Amino acid sequence: LEEQAEARLREVQRGCRAVVARGRKVAKGTEGRVFWLGRGTYGWRAGLETDDGQTVWTALSNLDRVLPPKPEGMGWRDFSAHLAELRA
């Protein structure tokens, strides 16, 4: 169950912050808000709006979700509930 909670939290979704961690065309380390997800010719794609307003497009598999640091000793399920409380 902890692994499932971690996988759900790390899943890149529309509206979340993400960073480019892989790929060649968009600089690694580029960070922004995911505003679009859709199927492309070669799999799922994502549109990312950077903090300076630039729009970049990349494969969804090139992105990692940006999460705040998880407190030491806290499980992924508890961390997920904690983040949900912060958003509410």
N, C-alpha and C. Protein backbone atom coordinates (compact mmCIF):
# COMPACT_ATOMS: atom_id res chain seq x y z
N LEU A 1 0.81 -1.20 0.00
CA LEU A 1 0.00 0.00 0.00
C LEU A 1 0.85 1.27 0.00
N GLU A 2 1.98 1.22 0.69
CA GLU A 2 2.87 2.38 0.71
C GLU A 2 3.42 2.66 -0.69
N GLU A 3 3.76 1.59 -1.41
CA GLU A 3 4.29 1.76 -2.76
C GLU A 3 3.24 2.38 -3.68
N GLN A 4 1.98 1.95 -3.52
CA GLN A 4 0.90 2.51 -4.33
C GLN A 4 0.68 3.99 -4.00
N ALA A 5 0.75 4.33 -2.73
CA ALA A 5 0.58 5.73 -2.32
C ALA A 5 1.70 6.59 -2.89
N GLU A 6 2.93 6.06 -2.87
CA GLU A 6 4.06 6.81 -3.43
C GLU A 6 3.89 6.99 -4.94
N ALA A 7 3.50 5.92 -5.63
CA ALA A 7 3.31 6.00 -7.08
C ALA A 7 2.24 7.01 -7.44
N ARG A 8 1.13 7.04 -6.69
CA ARG A 8 0.06 8.01 -6.96
C ARG A 8 0.55 9.44 -6.74
N LEU A 9 1.32 9.65 -5.68
CA LEU A 9 1.82 11.00 -5.41
C LEU A 9 2.81 11.48 -6.47
N ARG A 10 3.61 10.57 -6.99
CA ARG A 10 4.64 10.94 -7.97
C ARG A 10 4.09 11.04 -9.39
N GLU A 11 2.84 10.62 -9.60
CA GLU A 11 2.24 10.66 -10.94
C GLU A 11 2.05 12.11 -11.40
N VAL A 12 2.53 12.40 -12.60
CA VAL A 12 2.39 13.74 -13.16
C VAL A 12 0.96 13.91 -13.67
N GLN A 13 0.29 14.96 -13.20
CA GLN A 13 -1.10 15.24 -13.58
C GLN A 13 -1.22 16.69 -14.01
N ARG A 14 -2.29 16.98 -14.74
CA ARG A 14 -2.54 18.36 -15.14
C ARG A 14 -2.71 19.23 -13.90
N GLY A 15 -2.04 20.36 -13.89
CA GLY A 15 -2.13 21.29 -12.77
C GLY A 15 -1.00 21.17 -11.76
N CYS A 16 -0.25 20.08 -11.80
CA CYS A 16 0.83 19.90 -10.83
C CYS A 16 2.12 20.55 -11.34
N ARG A 17 3.07 20.74 -10.43
CA ARG A 17 4.39 21.23 -10.82
C ARG A 17 5.24 20.03 -11.18
N ALA A 18 6.06 20.20 -12.22
CA ALA A 18 6.91 19.11 -12.68
C ALA A 18 8.23 19.69 -13.16
N VAL A 19 9.23 18.83 -13.23
CA VAL A 19 10.56 19.21 -13.70
C VAL A 19 10.97 18.24 -14.80
N VAL A 20 11.64 18.76 -15.82
CA VAL A 20 12.15 17.92 -16.91
C VAL A 20 13.40 17.21 -16.38
N ALA A 21 13.36 15.89 -16.32
CA ALA A 21 14.47 15.11 -15.78
C ALA A 21 15.16 14.27 -16.84
N ARG A 22 14.52 14.10 -18.00
CA ARG A 22 15.08 13.27 -19.07
C ARG A 22 14.78 13.92 -20.41
N GLY A 23 15.40 13.43 -21.45
CA GLY A 23 15.12 13.92 -22.79
C GLY A 23 16.25 14.78 -23.34
N ARG A 24 16.11 15.19 -24.62
CA ARG A 24 17.16 15.95 -25.29
C ARG A 24 16.73 17.34 -25.71
N LYS A 25 15.45 17.53 -26.02
CA LYS A 25 15.03 18.77 -26.66
C LYS A 25 14.73 19.90 -25.67
N VAL A 26 14.31 19.57 -24.48
CA VAL A 26 14.04 20.57 -23.45
C VAL A 26 15.12 20.41 -22.38
N ALA A 27 15.68 21.53 -21.95
CA ALA A 27 16.78 21.48 -20.98
C ALA A 27 16.35 20.78 -19.69
N LYS A 28 17.18 19.85 -19.23
CA LYS A 28 16.92 19.20 -17.95
C LYS A 28 16.95 20.25 -16.86
N GLY A 29 16.04 20.12 -15.92
CA GLY A 29 15.94 21.10 -14.84
C GLY A 29 14.88 22.15 -15.08
N THR A 30 14.33 22.21 -16.31
CA THR A 30 13.24 23.14 -16.60
C THR A 30 12.04 22.76 -15.74
N GLU A 31 11.50 23.74 -15.03
CA GLU A 31 10.42 23.46 -14.09
C GLU A 31 9.23 24.36 -14.38
N GLY A 32 8.03 23.83 -14.15
CA GLY A 32 6.83 24.63 -14.36
C GLY A 32 5.58 23.86 -14.01
N ARG A 33 4.44 24.41 -14.45
CA ARG A 33 3.12 23.82 -14.18
C ARG A 33 2.64 23.08 -15.42
N VAL A 34 2.19 21.85 -15.25
CA VAL A 34 1.65 21.05 -16.36
C VAL A 34 0.26 21.58 -16.66
N PHE A 35 0.06 22.08 -17.90
CA PHE A 35 -1.25 22.62 -18.26
C PHE A 35 -1.97 21.75 -19.28
N TRP A 36 -1.28 20.77 -19.87
CA TRP A 36 -1.91 19.93 -20.89
C TRP A 36 -1.27 18.55 -20.88
N LEU A 37 -2.10 17.52 -21.01
CA LEU A 37 -1.66 16.14 -21.20
C LEU A 37 -2.47 15.56 -22.35
N GLY A 38 -1.81 14.86 -23.25
CA GLY A 38 -2.53 14.26 -24.36
C GLY A 38 -1.70 13.24 -25.09
N ARG A 39 -2.38 12.46 -25.90
CA ARG A 39 -1.70 11.44 -26.68
C ARG A 39 -1.05 12.06 -27.91
N GLY A 40 0.19 11.67 -28.14
CA GLY A 40 0.90 12.09 -29.34
C GLY A 40 1.14 10.88 -30.21
N THR A 41 1.85 11.06 -31.29
CA THR A 41 2.16 9.97 -32.20
C THR A 41 2.96 8.87 -31.52
N TYR A 42 3.85 9.26 -30.60
CA TYR A 42 4.75 8.30 -29.97
C TYR A 42 4.49 8.13 -28.48
N GLY A 43 3.27 8.38 -28.03
CA GLY A 43 2.93 8.20 -26.62
C GLY A 43 2.42 9.50 -26.00
N TRP A 44 2.29 9.49 -24.68
CA TRP A 44 1.73 10.63 -23.97
C TRP A 44 2.70 11.81 -23.98
N ARG A 45 2.13 13.01 -24.16
CA ARG A 45 2.89 14.26 -24.20
C ARG A 45 2.37 15.19 -23.12
N ALA A 46 3.18 16.19 -22.79
CA ALA A 46 2.78 17.16 -21.77
C ALA A 46 3.19 18.55 -22.21
N GLY A 47 2.35 19.52 -21.89
CA GLY A 47 2.67 20.93 -22.06
C GLY A 47 3.00 21.50 -20.70
N LEU A 48 4.12 22.20 -20.62
CA LEU A 48 4.62 22.74 -19.36
C LEU A 48 4.78 24.24 -19.51
N GLU A 49 4.18 25.00 -18.59
CA GLU A 49 4.36 26.45 -18.59
C GLU A 49 5.36 26.79 -17.49
N THR A 50 6.50 27.37 -17.89
CA THR A 50 7.54 27.70 -16.93
C THR A 50 7.16 28.94 -16.14
N ASP A 51 7.90 29.22 -15.09
CA ASP A 51 7.60 30.36 -14.23
C ASP A 51 7.73 31.69 -14.96
N ASP A 52 8.56 31.72 -16.01
CA ASP A 52 8.71 32.97 -16.78
C ASP A 52 7.74 33.06 -17.95
N GLY A 53 6.75 32.15 -17.99
CA GLY A 53 5.70 32.21 -19.00
C GLY A 53 5.98 31.48 -20.29
N GLN A 54 7.14 30.84 -20.41
CA GLN A 54 7.49 30.09 -21.61
C GLN A 54 6.73 28.77 -21.62
N THR A 55 6.33 28.32 -22.80
CA THR A 55 5.65 27.03 -22.97
C THR A 55 6.62 26.05 -23.62
N VAL A 56 6.74 24.87 -23.03
CA VAL A 56 7.57 23.81 -23.61
C VAL A 56 6.73 22.53 -23.70
N TRP A 57 7.08 21.70 -24.67
CA TRP A 57 6.37 20.44 -24.91
C TRP A 57 7.38 19.31 -24.81
N THR A 58 6.99 18.23 -24.15
CA THR A 58 7.88 17.09 -24.01
C THR A 58 7.06 15.82 -23.78
N ALA A 59 7.74 14.69 -23.87
CA ALA A 59 7.09 13.42 -23.55
C ALA A 59 6.80 13.37 -22.05
N LEU A 60 5.66 12.84 -21.69
CA LEU A 60 5.28 12.73 -20.29
C LEU A 60 6.33 11.95 -19.50
N SER A 61 6.94 10.97 -20.13
CA SER A 61 7.94 10.14 -19.45
C SER A 61 9.21 10.92 -19.12
N ASN A 62 9.38 12.12 -19.68
CA ASN A 62 10.55 12.95 -19.37
C ASN A 62 10.37 13.77 -18.10
N LEU A 63 9.17 13.78 -17.54
CA LEU A 63 8.86 14.64 -16.40
C LEU A 63 8.84 13.88 -15.08
N ASP A 64 9.25 14.58 -14.03
CA ASP A 64 9.08 14.10 -12.65
C ASP A 64 8.24 15.14 -11.92
N ARG A 65 7.33 14.68 -11.11
CA ARG A 65 6.50 15.60 -10.33
C ARG A 65 7.34 16.23 -9.22
N VAL A 66 7.12 17.51 -8.97
CA VAL A 66 7.82 18.22 -7.90
C VAL A 66 6.95 18.11 -6.64
N LEU A 67 7.53 17.53 -5.60
CA LEU A 67 6.83 17.37 -4.33
C LEU A 67 7.63 18.07 -3.23
N PRO A 68 6.95 18.58 -2.21
CA PRO A 68 7.70 19.10 -1.07
C PRO A 68 8.42 17.94 -0.37
N PRO A 69 9.45 18.23 0.41
CA PRO A 69 10.16 17.14 1.08
C PRO A 69 9.25 16.38 2.05
N LYS A 70 9.37 15.07 2.02
CA LYS A 70 8.58 14.22 2.92
C LYS A 70 9.30 14.16 4.26
N PRO A 71 8.60 14.48 5.35
CA PRO A 71 9.23 14.42 6.67
C PRO A 71 9.77 13.01 6.96
N GLU A 72 10.94 12.96 7.56
CA GLU A 72 11.56 11.69 7.88
C GLU A 72 10.68 10.90 8.84
N GLY A 73 10.50 9.63 8.55
CA GLY A 73 9.70 8.77 9.41
C GLY A 73 8.22 8.75 9.06
N MET A 74 7.78 9.64 8.19
CA MET A 74 6.37 9.67 7.79
C MET A 74 6.18 8.76 6.59
N GLY A 75 5.15 7.93 6.61
CA GLY A 75 4.86 7.04 5.49
C GLY A 75 4.24 7.81 4.34
N TRP A 76 4.23 7.19 3.16
CA TRP A 76 3.68 7.84 1.97
C TRP A 76 2.18 8.07 2.08
N ARG A 77 1.46 7.17 2.72
CA ARG A 77 0.01 7.36 2.89
C ARG A 77 -0.26 8.55 3.80
N ASP A 78 0.49 8.65 4.89
CA ASP A 78 0.32 9.79 5.80
C ASP A 78 0.73 11.09 5.11
N PHE A 79 1.79 11.03 4.32
CA PHE A 79 2.26 12.21 3.60
C PHE A 79 1.20 12.67 2.59
N SER A 80 0.57 11.71 1.92
CA SER A 80 -0.49 12.03 0.97
C SER A 80 -1.65 12.72 1.68
N ALA A 81 -2.04 12.20 2.83
CA ALA A 81 -3.12 12.82 3.60
C ALA A 81 -2.72 14.21 4.07
N HIS A 82 -1.47 14.37 4.47
CA HIS A 82 -0.96 15.67 4.91
C HIS A 82 -1.04 16.69 3.77
N LEU A 83 -0.63 16.31 2.57
CA LEU A 83 -0.69 17.21 1.42
C LEU A 83 -2.14 17.57 1.08
N ALA A 84 -3.04 16.60 1.20
CA ALA A 84 -4.46 16.86 0.93
C ALA A 84 -5.02 17.88 1.91
N GLU A 85 -4.60 17.80 3.16
CA GLU A 85 -5.04 18.78 4.17
C GLU A 85 -4.52 20.17 3.82
N LEU A 86 -3.28 20.25 3.34
CA LEU A 86 -2.71 21.55 2.99
C LEU A 86 -3.46 22.19 1.83
N ARG A 87 -3.91 21.36 0.88
CA ARG A 87 -4.63 21.88 -0.30
C ARG A 87 -6.05 22.32 0.04
N ALA A 88 -6.63 21.72 1.08
CA ALA A 88 -8.04 22.02 1.43
C ALA A 88 -8.21 23.37 2.09
